[in-house]
C-alpha atoms as a PDB file:
ATOM      1  CA  MET A   1      84.519 128.992 150.079  1.00  0.00           C
ATOM      2  CA  GLU A   2      81.707 130.969 151.649  1.00  0.00           C
ATOM      3  CA  LYS A   3      78.839 129.343 153.511  1.00  0.00           C
ATOM      4  CA  ASN A   4      76.258 130.350 150.868  1.00  0.00           C
ATOM      5  CA  GLN A   5      78.332 128.769 148.100  1.00  0.00           C
ATOM      6  CA  GLN A   6      78.565 125.536 150.066  1.00  0.00           C
ATOM      7  CA  THR A   7      74.818 125.497 150.695  1.00  0.00           C
ATOM      8  CA  MET A   8      74.081 126.047 147.021  1.00  0.00           C
ATOM      9  CA  GLN A   9      76.217 123.026 146.139  1.00  0.00           C
ATOM     10  CA  LEU A  10      74.155 120.830 148.462  1.00  0.00           C
ATOM     11  CA  THR A  11      71.224 119.898 146.243  1.00  0.00           C
ATOM     12  CA  VAL A  12      68.485 117.305 146.481  1.00  0.00           C
ATOM     13  CA  GLY A  13      69.926 115.663 143.371  1.00  0.00           C
ATOM     14  CA  LEU A  14      73.331 115.325 145.014  1.00  0.00           C
ATOM     15  CA  ILE A  15      71.750 113.867 148.145  1.00  0.00           C
ATOM     16  CA  ARG A  16      69.693 111.383 146.102  1.00  0.00           C
ATOM     17  CA  ARG A  17      72.779 110.255 144.214  1.00  0.00           C
ATOM     18  CA  ALA A  18      74.667 109.801 147.490  1.00  0.00           C
ATOM     19  CA  VAL A  19      71.787 107.840 149.021  1.00  0.00           C
ATOM     20  CA  SER A  20      71.717 105.535 146.005  1.00  0.00           C
ATOM     21  CA  GLY A  21      75.387 104.758 146.658  1.00  0.00           C
ATOM     22  CA  GLU A  22      77.127 106.852 144.006  1.00  0.00           C
ATOM     23  CA  ARG A  23      80.663 107.222 145.341  1.00  0.00           C
ATOM     24  CA  GLU A  24      81.369 110.551 143.611  1.00  0.00           C
ATOM     25  CA  ALA A  25      78.268 112.096 145.198  1.00  0.00           C
ATOM     26  CA  GLN A  26      79.272 110.770 148.621  1.00  0.00           C
ATOM     27  CA  ASP A  27      82.746 112.238 148.201  1.00  0.00           C
ATOM     28  CA  GLU A  28      81.213 115.581 147.206  1.00  0.00           C
ATOM     29  CA  LEU A  29      79.019 115.586 150.336  1.00  0.00           C
ATOM     30  CA  LEU A  30      82.052 114.862 152.493  1.00  0.00           C
ATOM     31  CA  ARG A  31      83.911 117.708 150.798  1.00  0.00           C
ATOM     32  CA  ILE A  32      81.018 120.104 151.444  1.00  0.00           C
ATOM     33  CA  TYR A  33      80.795 119.080 155.115  1.00  0.00           C
ATOM     34  CA  GLU A  34      84.567 118.947 155.683  1.00  0.00           C
ATOM     35  CA  PRO A  35      84.881 122.502 157.125  1.00  0.00           C
ATOM     36  CA  PHE A  36      82.111 121.687 159.604  1.00  0.00           C
ATOM     37  CA  HIS A  37      83.784 118.427 160.612  1.00  0.00           C
ATOM     38  CA  ASP A  38      87.123 120.214 160.994  1.00  0.00           C
ATOM     39  CA  SER A  39      85.558 122.868 163.228  1.00  0.00           C
ATOM     40  CA  LEU A  40      84.134 120.178 165.502  1.00  0.00           C
ATOM     41  CA  LEU A  41      87.371 118.241 165.820  1.00  0.00           C
ATOM     42  CA  VAL A  42      90.025 120.931 166.144  1.00  0.00           C
ATOM     43  CA  TYR A  43      91.753 121.442 169.450  1.00  0.00           C
ATOM     44  CA  ALA A  44      94.319 123.906 170.713  1.00  0.00           C
ATOM     45  CA  GLU A  45      97.471 122.784 172.439  1.00  0.00           C
ATOM     46  CA  ALA A  46     100.348 124.743 173.910  1.00  0.00           C
ATOM     47  CA  GLY A  47     103.632 123.706 172.390  1.00  0.00           C
ATOM     48  CA  LEU A  48     107.024 123.561 174.051  1.00  0.00           C
ATOM     49  CA  ASP A  49     107.803 126.861 172.342  1.00  0.00           C
ATOM     50  CA  GLY A  50     104.916 128.518 174.230  1.00  0.00           C
ATOM     51  CA  CYS A  51     102.812 128.990 171.092  1.00  0.00           C
ATOM     52  CA  ILE A  52      99.288 127.689 170.697  1.00  0.00           C
ATOM     53  CA  HIS A  53      99.019 125.051 167.982  1.00  0.00           C
ATOM     54  CA  HIS A  54      95.703 124.042 166.440  1.00  0.00           C
ATOM     55  CA  GLU A  55      95.426 120.410 165.450  1.00  0.00           C
ATOM     56  CA  THR A  56      92.641 118.334 163.950  1.00  0.00           C
ATOM     57  CA  ARG A  57      92.031 114.836 165.224  1.00  0.00           C
ATOM     58  CA  GLU A  58      92.231 113.037 161.879  1.00  0.00           C
ATOM     59  CA  ASP A  59      91.265 109.649 163.332  1.00  0.00           C
ATOM     60  CA  TRP A  60      88.087 111.110 164.814  1.00  0.00           C
ATOM     61  CA  LYS A  61      87.400 112.949 161.565  1.00  0.00           C
ATOM     62  CA  SER A  62      87.534 109.646 159.686  1.00  0.00           C
ATOM     63  CA  MET A  63      85.089 108.124 162.162  1.00  0.00           C
ATOM     64  CA  VAL A  64      82.686 111.076 161.798  1.00  0.00           C
ATOM     65  CA  GLN A  65      82.857 110.850 158.011  1.00  0.00           C
ATOM     66  CA  MET A  66      82.251 107.094 158.055  1.00  0.00           C
ATOM     67  CA  ARG A  67      79.279 107.596 160.374  1.00  0.00           C
ATOM     68  CA  MET A  68      77.912 110.309 158.085  1.00  0.00           C
ATOM     69  CA  LEU A  69      78.123 107.994 155.075  1.00  0.00           C
ATOM     70  CA  GLN A  70      76.364 105.280 157.050  1.00  0.00           C
ATOM     71  CA  ALA A  71      73.576 107.722 157.977  1.00  0.00           C
ATOM     72  CA  ILE A  72      73.257 108.777 154.347  1.00  0.00           C
ATOM     73  CA  GLN A  73      72.851 105.160 153.271  1.00  0.00           C
ATOM     74  CA  THR A  74      70.306 104.226 155.945  1.00  0.00           C
ATOM     75  CA  ARG A  75      68.437 107.175 157.424  1.00  0.00           C
ATOM     76  CA  TRP A  76      68.393 109.637 154.551  1.00  0.00           C
ATOM     77  CA  ARG A  77      66.937 106.981 152.261  1.00  0.00           C
ATOM     78  CA  SER A  78      63.685 106.988 154.219  1.00  0.00           C
ATOM     79  CA  LEU A  79      63.471 110.788 154.095  1.00  0.00           C
ATOM     80  CA  LEU A  80      63.592 110.996 150.312  1.00  0.00           C
END
């Protein structure tokens, strides 16, 4: 999905629904931000075969997503 398509999916209505606690809206926000989270948490590692392998730290990704949901519930509420 291209960046412009992702941005167009991020609407004020979606944000308001997520702030109010609607789980489907929160899941949609996480889906929209997932490529960004992946890009932050990917690392390259040389394997025993000499090839470079790219891995995502899934445990850190979960922590980032949980923190994002917490920020949506607390900080975004005051901005709307």
